């Protein structure tokens, strides 16, 4: 069924095969939006999403594709409420993080050439990513509350045990209370974003065809 949908989709783009050639392959479609294999390649080559230690190339590319789908769904929802711009400093700061994934800036520039991307292309991708992150922070962060009881429970049942496993001495709760609060808030924010993204995906027509 998916193959038939892909053929029909391509026939709309290229109604006369004799007069056209396929220059890219479709990795996925989200309603009428298309994600191509070249978009996955660009992210992998430029390392906009870092590969995890011991992560296989196939798993990495699958994760990049899923991230592209999630980002597309989220950005589309953000647009309904008005996309706010981000500061150039924030973009440059994230750009430095991306560049740091390479052994040198020359290696990063070489990767840009291989990916057929410009520095402005990367900045544009980062801007869109930060716009979604800012929206998430504004929408979900104010609703997250972590009680003192929850912090104490985590400290007693998890934090102290983890330090003991690493052979480290215990630290008084007062010294790590805010660190634990930040950790628990981050976990809950991630859970809320996953629920939101799942809802967006369930309400869209998402088809995956290939990841490489």
Protein backbone atom coordinates (compact mmCIF):
# COMPACT_ATOMS: atom_id res chain seq x y z
CA UNK A 1 0.00 0.00 0.00
CA UNK A 2 2.81 2.39 0.92
CA UNK A 3 4.64 1.61 -2.31
CA UNK A 4 1.48 2.37 -4.27
CA UNK A 5 1.11 5.68 -2.39
CA UNK A 6 4.72 6.53 -3.19
CA UNK A 7 4.21 5.79 -6.88
CA UNK A 8 1.10 7.95 -6.97
CA UNK A 9 2.90 10.74 -5.16
CA UNK A 10 5.80 10.66 -7.60
CA UNK A 11 3.40 10.62 -10.54
CA UNK A 12 1.98 13.91 -9.31
CA UNK A 13 5.44 15.45 -9.07
CA UNK A 14 6.73 13.91 -12.32
CA UNK A 15 3.69 13.40 -14.58
CA UNK A 16 5.86 12.58 -17.60
CA UNK A 17 8.76 10.25 -16.69
CA UNK A 18 10.23 10.62 -20.18
CA UNK A 19 10.80 14.32 -19.55
CA UNK A 20 12.07 14.17 -15.99
CA UNK A 21 14.42 12.30 -13.68
CA UNK A 22 14.19 11.54 -9.99
CA UNK A 23 16.94 13.54 -8.30
CA UNK A 24 16.20 12.47 -4.73
CA UNK A 25 14.39 9.71 -2.87
CA UNK A 26 11.53 10.19 -0.45
CA UNK A 27 12.27 9.05 3.08
CA UNK A 28 8.90 9.95 4.56
CA UNK A 29 5.78 12.00 3.98
CA UNK A 30 3.80 13.93 6.59
CA UNK A 31 0.46 14.72 5.01
CA UNK A 32 1.62 16.81 2.00
CA UNK A 33 5.12 17.51 3.33
CA UNK A 34 8.08 15.47 2.15
CA UNK A 35 11.28 14.45 3.93
CA UNK A 36 13.99 13.28 1.55
CA UNK A 37 17.00 11.05 2.00
CA UNK A 38 19.23 14.02 1.19
CA UNK A 39 17.88 15.80 4.28
CA UNK A 40 18.93 12.83 6.40
CA UNK A 41 22.32 12.80 4.69
CA UNK A 42 22.84 16.50 5.40
CA UNK A 43 22.11 16.14 9.11
CA UNK A 44 24.35 13.08 9.39
CA UNK A 45 27.26 14.66 7.49
CA UNK A 46 27.08 18.04 9.27
CA UNK A 47 26.29 16.34 12.62
CA UNK A 48 23.37 18.59 13.47
CA UNK A 49 22.26 15.61 15.54
CA UNK A 50 25.19 13.93 17.26
CA UNK A 51 25.66 10.19 16.84
CA UNK A 52 25.56 8.35 20.16
CA UNK A 53 28.50 6.22 21.33
CA UNK A 54 28.23 2.66 20.02
CA UNK A 55 25.17 3.61 17.92
CA UNK A 56 25.11 1.79 14.59
CA UNK A 57 24.85 3.77 11.37
CA UNK A 58 21.41 2.29 10.66
CA UNK A 59 20.08 3.15 14.12
CA UNK A 60 21.56 6.63 13.82
CA UNK A 61 19.87 7.30 10.50
CA UNK A 62 16.55 5.95 11.79
CA UNK A 63 16.81 8.28 14.78
CA UNK A 64 17.60 11.23 12.52
CA UNK A 65 14.55 10.47 10.36
CA UNK A 66 12.31 10.21 13.42
CA UNK A 67 13.77 13.48 14.70
CA UNK A 68 12.99 15.14 11.36
CA UNK A 69 9.42 13.88 11.51
CA UNK A 70 9.01 15.08 15.09
CA UNK A 71 10.56 18.45 14.28
CA UNK A 72 8.26 18.91 11.30
CA UNK A 73 5.17 18.08 13.35
CA UNK A 74 6.23 20.33 16.22
CA UNK A 75 7.16 23.27 14.02
CA UNK A 76 3.86 23.02 12.21
CA UNK A 77 2.06 23.24 15.56
CA UNK A 78 4.28 26.14 16.67
CA UNK A 79 3.31 28.05 13.52
CA UNK A 80 -0.33 28.01 14.58
CA UNK A 81 0.54 30.26 17.53
CA UNK A 82 3.10 32.44 15.77
CA UNK A 83 6.80 31.68 15.50
CA UNK A 84 9.03 33.98 17.52
CA UNK A 85 12.52 34.70 16.28
CA UNK A 86 15.60 33.81 18.30
CA UNK A 87 18.65 35.92 18.98
CA UNK A 88 21.73 35.67 16.73
CA UNK A 89 23.79 34.95 19.87
CA UNK A 90 21.69 31.88 20.64
CA UNK A 91 22.12 30.63 17.07
CA UNK A 92 25.87 31.17 17.13
CA UNK A 93 26.16 29.43 20.50
CA UNK A 94 24.39 26.33 19.15
CA UNK A 95 26.48 26.52 15.98
CA UNK A 96 29.66 26.34 18.10
CA UNK A 97 28.29 23.15 19.69
CA UNK A 98 27.80 21.62 16.23
CA UNK A 99 31.29 22.63 15.11
CA UNK A 100 32.77 21.16 18.30
CA UNK A 101 31.68 17.71 17.10
CA UNK A 102 34.46 17.92 14.50
CA UNK A 103 38.19 17.76 15.15
CA UNK A 104 38.66 21.17 13.52
CA UNK A 105 36.76 23.94 11.75
CA UNK A 106 38.39 22.84 8.49
CA UNK A 107 36.81 19.41 8.91
CA UNK A 108 33.46 21.08 9.55
CA UNK A 109 33.81 23.22 6.40
CA UNK A 110 34.69 20.09 4.41
CA UNK A 111 31.55 18.42 5.76
CA UNK A 112 29.48 21.39 4.62
CA UNK A 113 30.85 20.96 1.11
CA UNK A 114 30.05 17.22 1.09
CA UNK A 115 26.53 17.92 2.30
CA UNK A 116 26.13 20.73 -0.25
CA UNK A 117 25.16 23.03 2.60
CA UNK A 118 26.13 26.61 3.39
CA UNK A 119 26.75 28.06 6.82
CA UNK A 120 23.50 29.98 6.44
CA UNK A 121 21.66 26.71 5.74
CA UNK A 122 22.95 25.34 9.06
CA UNK A 123 22.03 28.55 10.87
CA UNK A 124 18.52 28.34 9.43
CA UNK A 125 18.13 24.77 10.70
CA UNK A 126 19.39 25.80 14.12
CA UNK A 127 17.02 28.78 14.20
CA UNK A 128 14.05 26.53 13.52
CA UNK A 129 15.19 24.07 16.18
CA UNK A 130 15.58 26.83 18.76
CA UNK A 131 12.18 28.28 17.90
CA UNK A 132 10.60 24.93 18.70
CA UNK A 133 12.64 24.60 21.91
CA UNK A 134 11.59 28.08 23.06
CA UNK A 135 7.94 27.25 22.36
CA UNK A 136 8.26 24.04 24.37
CA UNK A 137 9.81 25.93 27.27
CA UNK A 138 7.09 28.58 27.24
CA UNK A 139 4.21 26.12 26.88
CA UNK A 140 5.21 23.26 29.17
CA UNK A 141 7.77 24.49 31.72
CA UNK A 142 5.31 26.64 33.73
CA UNK A 143 3.10 23.59 34.33
CA UNK A 144 5.87 21.44 35.82
CA UNK A 145 6.06 21.34 39.63
CA UNK A 146 8.44 19.23 41.68
CA UNK A 147 7.65 18.94 45.38
CA UNK A 148 10.17 18.76 48.21
CA UNK A 149 8.86 15.29 49.01
CA UNK A 150 9.63 14.10 45.48
CA UNK A 151 13.12 15.56 45.69
CA UNK A 152 13.75 13.84 49.03
CA UNK A 153 12.44 10.52 47.68
CA UNK A 154 14.69 10.71 44.62
CA UNK A 155 17.66 11.69 46.80
CA UNK A 156 17.09 8.76 49.15
CA UNK A 157 16.15 6.05 46.61
CA UNK A 158 18.22 7.01 43.55
CA UNK A 159 20.81 9.73 44.13
CA UNK A 160 22.58 8.16 47.12
CA UNK A 161 22.50 4.71 45.51
CA UNK A 162 24.10 6.03 42.32
CA UNK A 163 26.91 7.70 44.28
CA UNK A 164 27.48 4.51 46.27
CA UNK A 165 27.70 2.47 43.05
CA UNK A 166 30.43 4.83 41.84
CA UNK A 167 32.29 4.63 45.13
CA UNK A 168 31.57 8.25 46.02
CA UNK A 169 30.75 9.55 49.50
CA UNK A 170 27.21 10.79 50.24
CA UNK A 171 26.44 14.48 49.83
CA UNK A 172 23.92 16.31 52.07
CA UNK A 173 20.55 16.88 50.45
CA UNK A 174 20.80 20.63 50.97
CA UNK A 175 23.79 20.76 48.63
CA UNK A 176 22.13 18.92 45.76
CA UNK A 177 18.44 19.83 46.19
CA UNK A 178 18.31 22.27 43.27
CA UNK A 179 20.35 19.96 41.06
CA UNK A 180 17.85 17.17 41.69
CA UNK A 181 14.93 19.55 41.12
CA UNK A 182 16.41 20.52 37.72
CA UNK A 183 16.90 16.86 36.82
CA UNK A 184 13.34 15.90 37.72
CA UNK A 185 11.92 18.91 35.87
CA UNK A 186 13.91 17.96 32.76
CA UNK A 187 12.58 14.40 32.92
CA UNK A 188 9.00 15.60 33.19
CA UNK A 189 9.44 18.13 30.41
CA UNK A 190 10.77 15.38 28.15
CA UNK A 191 7.77 13.19 29.02
CA UNK A 192 5.33 15.99 28.20
CA UNK A 193 7.04 16.70 24.89
CA UNK A 194 6.86 13.01 23.97
CA UNK A 195 3.13 12.94 24.72
CA UNK A 196 2.58 16.13 22.70
CA UNK A 197 4.59 14.75 19.77
CA UNK A 198 2.72 11.44 19.87
CA UNK A 199 -0.58 13.33 19.71
CA UNK A 200 0.64 15.38 16.75
CA UNK A 201 1.79 12.25 14.96
CA UNK A 202 -1.50 10.45 15.62
CA UNK A 203 -3.43 13.30 14.02
CA UNK A 204 -1.21 13.37 10.92
CA UNK A 205 -0.78 10.97 8.01
CA UNK A 206 2.84 9.86 8.41
CA UNK A 207 4.35 7.31 6.02
CA UNK A 208 7.97 6.14 6.19
CA UNK A 209 9.56 4.68 3.04
CA UNK A 210 13.31 4.57 3.66
CA UNK A 211 16.04 5.92 5.92
CA UNK A 212 19.02 5.31 3.63
